[in-house]
C-alpha atoms as a PDB file:
ATOM      1  CA  ASP A   1      -5.149  15.245  -3.880  1.00  0.00           C
ATOM      2  CA  TYR A   2      -4.226  13.660  -7.227  1.00  0.00           C
ATOM      3  CA  ARG A   3      -4.260  10.052  -6.046  1.00  0.00           C
ATOM      4  CA  ILE A   4      -7.732  10.134  -4.520  1.00  0.00           C
ATOM      5  CA  GLY A   5      -9.324  12.779  -6.741  1.00  0.00           C
ATOM      6  CA  GLU A   6      -8.077  11.703 -10.154  1.00  0.00           C
ATOM      7  CA  TRP A   7      -5.957   8.565 -10.262  1.00  0.00           C
ATOM      8  CA  GLU A   8      -8.347   6.371  -8.253  1.00  0.00           C
ATOM      9  CA  ARG A   9     -11.341   7.559 -10.311  1.00  0.00           C
ATOM     10  CA  ASP A  10      -9.538   7.010 -13.621  1.00  0.00           C
ATOM     11  CA  MET A  11      -8.238   3.583 -12.610  1.00  0.00           C
ATOM     12  CA  ARG A  12     -11.705   2.427 -11.520  1.00  0.00           C
ATOM     13  CA  ALA A  13     -13.096   3.491 -14.904  1.00  0.00           C
ATOM     14  CA  HIS A  14     -10.272   1.719 -16.753  1.00  0.00           C
ATOM     15  CA  LEU A  15     -10.800  -1.487 -14.786  1.00  0.00           C
ATOM     16  CA  LYS A  16     -14.528  -1.396 -15.580  1.00  0.00           C
ATOM     17  CA  GLU A  17     -13.751  -1.057 -19.296  1.00  0.00           C
ATOM     18  CA  LEU A  18     -11.401  -4.027 -19.160  1.00  0.00           C
ATOM     19  CA  ASP A  19     -13.807  -6.146 -17.139  1.00  0.00           C
ATOM     20  CA  ALA A  20     -16.565  -5.569 -19.695  1.00  0.00           C
ATOM     21  CA  LYS A  21     -14.373  -7.434 -22.210  1.00  0.00           C
ATOM     22  CA  LYS A  22     -12.846 -10.177 -20.059  1.00  0.00           C
ATOM     23  CA  PRO A  23     -11.983 -10.986 -16.431  1.00  0.00           C
ATOM     24  CA  VAL A  24      -9.344  -8.744 -14.907  1.00  0.00           C
ATOM     25  CA  VAL A  25      -6.209  -9.698 -12.994  1.00  0.00           C
ATOM     26  CA  TYR A  26      -4.654  -6.526 -11.598  1.00  0.00           C
ATOM     27  CA  MET A  27      -1.410  -7.029  -9.706  1.00  0.00           C
ATOM     28  CA  GLY A  28       1.686  -5.245  -8.552  1.00  0.00           C
ATOM     29  CA  ASP A  29       2.743  -2.399  -6.313  1.00  0.00           C
ATOM     30  CA  LEU A  30      -0.537  -0.581  -5.635  1.00  0.00           C
ATOM     31  CA  ASN A  31       1.127   1.491  -2.911  1.00  0.00           C
ATOM     32  CA  VAL A  32      -1.571   1.144  -0.275  1.00  0.00           C
ATOM     33  CA  ALA A  33      -1.925  -1.053   2.799  1.00  0.00           C
ATOM     34  CA  HIS A  34      -5.639  -1.851   2.711  1.00  0.00           C
ATOM     35  CA  LEU A  35      -6.275  -3.738   5.947  1.00  0.00           C
ATOM     36  CA  ASP A  36      -4.875  -3.404   9.458  1.00  0.00           C
ATOM     37  CA  SER A  37      -3.263  -6.818   9.001  1.00  0.00           C
ATOM     38  CA  ASP A  38      -1.301  -5.357   6.066  1.00  0.00           C
ATOM     39  CA  ILE A  39       0.616  -3.024   8.420  1.00  0.00           C
ATOM     40  CA  TRP A  40       3.110  -4.384  10.948  1.00  0.00           C
ATOM     41  CA  ASN A  41       2.710  -1.392  13.328  1.00  0.00           C
ATOM     42  CA  VAL A  42      -0.852  -0.326  12.593  1.00  0.00           C
ATOM     43  CA  GLY A  43      -1.192   1.402  15.970  1.00  0.00           C
ATOM     44  CA  ALA A  44       1.760   3.764  15.452  1.00  0.00           C
ATOM     45  CA  SER A  45       0.751   7.424  15.453  1.00  0.00           C
ATOM     46  CA  HIS A  46       2.414   8.208  12.118  1.00  0.00           C
ATOM     47  CA  ILE A  47       0.509   5.535  10.165  1.00  0.00           C
ATOM     48  CA  LYS A  48      -2.543   7.713   9.492  1.00  0.00           C
ATOM     49  CA  LYS A  49      -0.271  10.387   7.983  1.00  0.00           C
ATOM     50  CA  SER A  50       2.107   8.203   5.944  1.00  0.00           C
ATOM     51  CA  ALA A  51       1.794   7.651   2.202  1.00  0.00           C
ATOM     52  CA  GLY A  52       0.019   4.393   1.459  1.00  0.00           C
ATOM     53  CA  THR A  53      -1.537   4.091   4.908  1.00  0.00           C
ATOM     54  CA  THR A  54      -3.766   7.156   5.164  1.00  0.00           C
ATOM     55  CA  PRO A  55      -7.422   6.488   5.916  1.00  0.00           C
ATOM     56  CA  GLN A  56      -8.353   8.112   2.592  1.00  0.00           C
ATOM     57  CA  GLU A  57      -6.081   5.821   0.549  1.00  0.00           C
ATOM     58  CA  ARG A  58      -7.187   2.714   2.399  1.00  0.00           C
ATOM     59  CA  GLU A  59     -10.854   3.601   1.987  1.00  0.00           C
ATOM     60  CA  ALA A  60     -10.392   4.370  -1.729  1.00  0.00           C
ATOM     61  CA  PHE A  61      -8.828   0.932  -2.200  1.00  0.00           C
ATOM     62  CA  GLY A  62     -11.905  -0.678  -0.657  1.00  0.00           C
ATOM     63  CA  VAL A  63     -14.152   1.380  -2.944  1.00  0.00           C
ATOM     64  CA  MET A  64     -12.137   0.202  -5.957  1.00  0.00           C
ATOM     65  CA  LEU A  65     -12.592  -3.443  -4.926  1.00  0.00           C
ATOM     66  CA  GLU A  66     -16.320  -2.995  -4.388  1.00  0.00           C
ATOM     67  CA  GLU A  67     -17.131  -0.876  -7.447  1.00  0.00           C
ATOM     68  CA  ASN A  68     -15.151  -3.114  -9.788  1.00  0.00           C
ATOM     69  CA  ASP A  69     -16.235  -6.462  -8.341  1.00  0.00           C
ATOM     70  CA  LEU A  70     -12.617  -7.332  -7.569  1.00  0.00           C
ATOM     71  CA  ARG A  71     -11.328  -9.670  -4.900  1.00  0.00           C
ATOM     72  CA  ASP A  72      -7.991  -9.567  -3.093  1.00  0.00           C
ATOM     73  CA  ALA A  73      -6.732 -12.999  -4.154  1.00  0.00           C
ATOM     74  CA  PHE A  74      -4.162 -13.333  -1.367  1.00  0.00           C
ATOM     75  CA  ARG A  75      -6.792 -12.644   1.311  1.00  0.00           C
ATOM     76  CA  HIS A  76      -9.260 -14.956  -0.449  1.00  0.00           C
ATOM     77  CA  PHE A  77      -6.901 -17.915  -0.095  1.00  0.00           C
ATOM     78  CA  HIS A  78      -5.010 -16.847   3.032  1.00  0.00           C
ATOM     79  CA  GLY A  79      -7.575 -14.754   4.892  1.00  0.00           C
ATOM     80  CA  ASP A  80      -6.221 -15.251   8.388  1.00  0.00           C
ATOM     81  CA  ALA A  81      -2.549 -14.878   7.454  1.00  0.00           C
ATOM     82  CA  VAL A  82      -0.663 -12.368   9.576  1.00  0.00           C
ATOM     83  CA  GLY A  83       2.877 -11.131   9.108  1.00  0.00           C
ATOM     84  CA  TRP A  84       2.720 -11.492   5.311  1.00  0.00           C
ATOM     85  CA  PHE A  85       4.174  -8.326   3.873  1.00  0.00           C
ATOM     86  CA  SER A  86       5.520  -7.332   0.471  1.00  0.00           C
ATOM     87  CA  TYR A  87       7.461  -4.165   1.326  1.00  0.00           C
ATOM     88  CA  TRP A  88      10.091  -3.396   3.971  1.00  0.00           C
ATOM     89  CA  SER A  89      11.916  -0.101   4.498  1.00  0.00           C
ATOM     90  CA  VAL A  90      15.549  -0.441   3.431  1.00  0.00           C
ATOM     91  CA  ARG A  91      16.436   2.803   5.219  1.00  0.00           C
ATOM     92  CA  ALA A  92      15.138   1.416   8.522  1.00  0.00           C
ATOM     93  CA  GLY A  93      16.551  -2.088   7.871  1.00  0.00           C
ATOM     94  CA  ASN A  94      13.156  -3.687   8.562  1.00  0.00           C
ATOM     95  CA  ARG A  95      13.213  -6.767   6.346  1.00  0.00           C
ATOM     96  CA  PRO A  96      15.170  -9.090   8.668  1.00  0.00           C
ATOM     97  CA  PHE A  97      12.625  -8.312  11.398  1.00  0.00           C
ATOM     98  CA  ASN A  98       9.601  -8.600   9.069  1.00  0.00           C
ATOM     99  CA  LYS A  99       8.464  -5.100   9.960  1.00  0.00           C
ATOM    100  CA  GLY A 100       6.664  -4.378   6.736  1.00  0.00           C
ATOM    101  CA  LEU A 101       3.578  -3.461   4.794  1.00  0.00           C
ATOM    102  CA  ARG A 102       1.593  -5.319   2.191  1.00  0.00           C
ATOM    103  CA  LEU A 103       1.611  -2.790  -0.654  1.00  0.00           C
ATOM    104  CA  ASP A 104       1.679  -5.286  -3.521  1.00  0.00           C
ATOM    105  CA  TYR A 105      -1.557  -7.025  -4.454  1.00  0.00           C
ATOM    106  CA  THR A 106      -3.071  -9.660  -6.670  1.00  0.00           C
ATOM    107  CA  LEU A 107      -6.628  -8.599  -7.441  1.00  0.00           C
ATOM    108  CA  ALA A 108      -8.982 -10.423  -9.776  1.00  0.00           C
ATOM    109  CA  SER A 109     -12.562 -10.234 -10.974  1.00  0.00           C
ATOM    110  CA  LYS A 110     -14.774 -12.070  -8.490  1.00  0.00           C
ATOM    111  CA  ARG A 111     -16.179 -14.265 -11.240  1.00  0.00           C
ATOM    112  CA  VAL A 112     -12.855 -16.098 -11.710  1.00  0.00           C
ATOM    113  CA  PHE A 113     -12.911 -17.600  -8.215  1.00  0.00           C
ATOM    114  CA  ASP A 114     -14.800 -20.682  -7.025  1.00  0.00           C
ATOM    115  CA  GLY A 115     -15.228 -22.449 -10.351  1.00  0.00           C
ATOM    116  CA  GLY A 116     -13.983 -19.747 -12.629  1.00  0.00           C
ATOM    117  CA  ALA A 117     -15.513 -17.998 -15.568  1.00  0.00           C
ATOM    118  CA  ASP A 118     -14.562 -17.270 -19.140  1.00  0.00           C
ATOM    119  CA  GLY A 119     -12.264 -20.311 -19.160  1.00  0.00           C
ATOM    120  CA  VAL A 120     -10.012 -19.275 -16.276  1.00  0.00           C
ATOM    121  CA  GLU A 121     -10.001 -19.700 -12.505  1.00  0.00           C
ATOM    122  CA  VAL A 122      -7.745 -18.208  -9.835  1.00  0.00           C
ATOM    123  CA  VAL A 123      -6.625 -21.155  -7.699  1.00  0.00           C
ATOM    124  CA  ASP A 124      -3.943 -19.565  -5.489  1.00  0.00           C
ATOM    125  CA  ALA A 125      -2.173 -16.304  -4.690  1.00  0.00           C
ATOM    126  CA  PHE A 126       1.214 -15.824  -3.104  1.00  0.00           C
ATOM    127  CA  ILE A 127       3.904 -13.464  -1.881  1.00  0.00           C
ATOM    128  CA  LEU A 128       7.495 -14.552  -2.568  1.00  0.00           C
ATOM    129  CA  ASP A 129       8.863 -12.905   0.561  1.00  0.00           C
ATOM    130  CA  LYS A 130      12.174 -14.796   0.453  1.00  0.00           C
ATOM    131  CA  VAL A 131      13.108 -13.350  -2.949  1.00  0.00           C
ATOM    132  CA  LEU A 132      15.674 -10.608  -2.358  1.00  0.00           C
ATOM    133  CA  GLY A 133      16.981  -7.795  -4.539  1.00  0.00           C
ATOM    134  CA  SER A 134      14.331  -5.155  -3.937  1.00  0.00           C
ATOM    135  CA  ASP A 135      12.489  -3.504  -1.078  1.00  0.00           C
ATOM    136  CA  HIS A 136       9.376  -5.237  -2.464  1.00  0.00           C
ATOM    137  CA  ALA A 137       8.623  -8.940  -2.784  1.00  0.00           C
ATOM    138  CA  PRO A 138       7.124 -10.367  -5.977  1.00  0.00           C
ATOM    139  CA  VAL A 139       3.453 -11.335  -5.804  1.00  0.00           C
ATOM    140  CA  GLY A 140       1.479 -13.595  -8.089  1.00  0.00           C
ATOM    141  CA  VAL A 141      -1.494 -15.813  -8.752  1.00  0.00           C
ATOM    142  CA  THR A 142      -1.878 -19.318 -10.080  1.00  0.00           C
ATOM    143  CA  LEU A 143      -4.463 -19.609 -12.819  1.00  0.00           C
ATOM    144  CA  ALA A 144      -6.155 -22.765 -14.059  1.00  0.00           C
ATOM    145  CA  LEU A 145      -7.385 -22.758 -17.633  1.00  0.00           C
ATOM    146  CA  ARG A 146     -10.707 -24.500 -18.020  1.00  0.00           C
END
């Protein structure tokens, strides 16, 4: 499978190269729902077979975080938050009912949390779930320059 066998490996290597030069902030549609709390219907039988929610994709995401010393900024600041999604199926009309997935992430090098490093600190992360116009919500981080 291209995503697991090649793309994940190549992206991990690229992130390591970047992190050797400066702290990394990696954000956007990463097309995977990492944790159970990132899936509105995690118990549904089709979840393990659907793109972005397969056990292999979810595990590979965790490996990427670990191997690259990255932290999920949204979960760092809002660890117990439930019902915070960034994608809703338009075909199924799920957005008004908040039946979604969190497929969009704000990841950052661990060293830029809790005091920061290299002159920058991540001080918040957010999902702008009220912004309409797409099946995805914008995500972002707030950085403090030190």
